[in-house]
Protein backbone atom coordinates (compact mmCIF):
# COMPACT_ATOMS: atom_id res chain seq x y z
CA MET A 1 0.00 0.01 -0.01
CA TYR A 2 1.49 3.21 -1.24
CA THR A 3 1.19 6.45 0.77
CA SER A 4 2.68 9.85 -0.03
CA GLY A 5 2.00 13.55 0.27
CA ALA A 6 1.93 16.60 2.47
CA LEU A 7 3.24 16.65 6.01
CA ILE A 8 3.94 19.68 8.17
CA LEU A 9 7.03 19.30 10.32
CA THR A 10 7.44 21.80 13.15
CA ASN A 11 8.64 22.08 16.73
CA ASP A 12 5.63 24.29 17.57
CA GLY A 13 3.35 21.90 19.42
CA ASP A 14 0.47 24.37 19.82
CA PHE A 15 0.49 25.17 16.09
CA ILE A 16 0.47 21.55 14.96
CA TYR A 17 -2.20 20.65 17.53
CA LYS A 18 -4.47 23.32 16.05
CA VAL A 19 -3.70 22.23 12.47
CA THR A 20 -4.56 18.61 13.26
CA HIS A 21 -7.43 18.89 15.80
CA PRO A 22 -10.87 18.44 14.18
CA LYS A 23 -12.46 21.41 16.00
CA TYR A 24 -10.35 23.83 13.93
CA GLU A 25 -11.69 22.23 10.70
CA ILE A 26 -8.43 22.42 8.76
CA GLU A 27 -9.16 20.51 5.58
CA LYS A 28 -6.92 17.69 4.40
CA THR A 29 -7.35 16.57 0.79
CA TYR A 30 -6.37 13.12 -0.41
CA ASN A 31 -6.13 11.59 -3.85
CA VAL A 32 -7.11 7.95 -3.41
CA THR A 33 -6.86 5.04 -5.83
CA ILE A 34 -9.24 2.27 -4.86
CA ASN A 35 -10.10 -1.13 -6.21
CA GLY A 36 -13.39 -1.37 -8.06
CA ILE A 37 -15.67 1.16 -9.64
CA ILE A 38 -17.13 3.55 -7.07
CA THR A 39 -20.87 4.11 -7.20
CA ASN A 40 -22.92 7.20 -6.46
CA GLU A 41 -24.34 5.40 -3.43
CA GLU A 42 -20.83 4.77 -2.06
CA ILE A 43 -19.91 8.42 -2.65
CA GLU A 44 -23.01 9.51 -0.73
CA LYS A 45 -22.06 7.22 2.17
CA LEU A 46 -18.58 8.76 2.34
CA GLU A 47 -20.06 12.25 2.16
CA GLN A 48 -22.47 11.56 5.03
CA GLY A 49 -19.97 9.72 7.22
CA VAL A 50 -19.39 5.99 7.61
CA LYS A 51 -19.09 3.72 10.66
CA ILE A 52 -15.45 3.10 11.54
CA ASP A 53 -14.49 1.11 14.61
CA ASP A 54 -16.45 2.80 17.42
CA TYR A 55 -17.28 6.10 15.71
CA VAL A 56 -18.80 7.58 12.55
CA SER A 57 -16.43 9.52 10.36
CA GLY A 58 -17.14 13.20 9.77
CA LYS A 59 -18.75 14.31 6.56
CA ALA A 60 -16.40 14.31 3.59
CA LYS A 61 -16.28 16.07 0.26
CA VAL A 62 -15.81 13.48 -2.48
CA LYS A 63 -15.04 13.96 -6.14
CA ILE A 64 -14.38 11.35 -8.81
CA LEU A 65 -11.08 12.03 -10.57
CA LYS A 66 -10.98 8.99 -12.87
CA ILE A 67 -12.66 5.65 -13.41
CA ASP A 68 -10.72 2.96 -15.28
CA LYS A 69 -13.09 0.10 -16.08
CA GLU A 70 -10.34 -1.95 -17.76
CA LYS A 71 -8.15 -1.90 -14.64
CA ASN A 72 -11.20 -1.95 -12.36
CA ILE A 73 -10.00 1.03 -10.28
CA SER A 74 -11.30 4.43 -9.33
CA ARG A 75 -9.38 7.56 -8.41
CA ILE A 76 -11.24 9.86 -6.07
CA GLU A 77 -10.50 13.00 -4.11
CA ILE A 78 -11.60 12.97 -0.48
CA THR A 79 -11.49 16.07 1.69
CA ILE A 80 -11.92 15.71 5.45
CA HIS A 81 -11.07 17.83 8.46
CA GLU A 82 -10.60 15.09 11.07
CA GLY A 83 -7.66 13.06 9.82
CA LYS A 84 -7.69 10.36 12.49
CA ASN A 85 -5.20 7.52 12.19
CA ARG A 86 -5.68 5.76 8.81
CA GLU A 87 -9.12 7.36 8.55
CA VAL A 88 -9.29 7.55 4.76
CA ARG A 89 -8.27 3.92 4.42
CA LYS A 90 -10.89 2.92 7.00
CA MET A 91 -13.56 5.02 5.29
CA CYS A 92 -12.89 3.27 2.00
CA LYS A 93 -12.91 -0.13 3.70
CA ALA A 94 -16.31 0.74 5.21
CA ILE A 95 -17.76 0.98 1.70
CA GLY A 96 -16.04 -2.22 0.61
CA LYS A 97 -13.12 -0.62 -1.25
CA LYS A 98 -9.44 -1.33 -0.72
CA VAL A 99 -7.03 1.61 -1.00
CA LEU A 100 -4.29 0.90 -3.53
CA ALA A 101 -2.58 4.31 -3.30
CA LEU A 102 -3.08 7.31 -1.03
CA HIS A 103 -1.64 10.78 -1.50
CA ARG A 104 -2.34 13.78 0.77
CA SER A 105 -2.34 16.53 -1.83
CA LYS A 106 -3.34 19.48 0.37
CA ILE A 107 -3.50 20.65 3.93
CA GLU A 108 -5.96 23.58 3.82
CA ASN A 109 -4.35 25.95 1.28
CA ILE A 110 -0.95 24.21 1.18
CA GLU A 111 -0.45 22.09 -1.94
CA VAL A 112 2.38 19.72 -2.76
CA LYS A 113 1.72 19.30 -6.48
CA ASP A 114 5.09 20.81 -7.52
CA ILE A 115 7.20 18.92 -5.00
CA LYS A 116 8.87 15.70 -6.11
CA LEU A 117 8.79 12.60 -3.97
CA GLY A 118 11.41 12.93 -1.21
CA GLU A 119 11.77 16.70 -1.57
CA TRP A 120 10.61 19.32 0.92
CA ARG A 121 10.18 23.08 1.20
CA TYR A 122 9.53 25.73 3.81
CA LEU A 123 6.03 27.12 4.12
CA THR A 124 5.66 30.64 2.77
CA LYS A 125 4.68 33.44 5.13
CA SER A 126 1.31 33.72 3.40
CA GLU A 127 0.66 29.97 3.90
CA VAL A 128 1.51 30.21 7.60
CA ASN A 129 -0.57 33.37 8.00
CA SER A 130 -3.52 31.74 6.24
CA LEU A 131 -3.39 28.76 8.60
CA LEU A 132 -2.99 31.03 11.62
CA LYS A 133 -6.08 33.02 10.64
CA LYS A 134 -8.08 29.80 10.52
CA ILE A 135 -6.83 28.38 13.84
CA ILE A 136 -6.79 31.49 16.04
CA VAL A 137 -9.95 31.44 18.10
C-alpha cells in the first residue's frame, strides 16, 4: 500500500495541535486510488460519514477524478477535516473498497503538487498566516 503527500514538520506543538485537531476544521485533501468502480451510493455514504471502529467519520467532500473500467480502479479525491489515524483507508474499507494508493495533496491551502517525492520546502509566510487566521480562536 502506497502512501505519499503533504506533512507539516514543526517544533511548535500548539500550532500543529491546532492544524490537526478536528475542532479547527483544517481541511486535508487526499487523492485515493481504490479497487473497483465507485458508485454514487458509495460516494454519498462517504459524504455523510461511515461507521469506523467505534465512531462515525465526519462528513467528507468526495469527487471522482478517474474511473478505469479496464483496470477496475477508481481515483477519487476525499477532503476531510478530522484526519484520524488511517481514517481515509478505514472510510474506504467501510464501503467495501481497498485503498491501492493514497496521497495527501493538500492541507488547507498548502499544496504539494510541484514537490517531487522525497523533496521538501519551507512554508511561505502567506501559507503560515492563512493557517494562523483559521486556527486562532
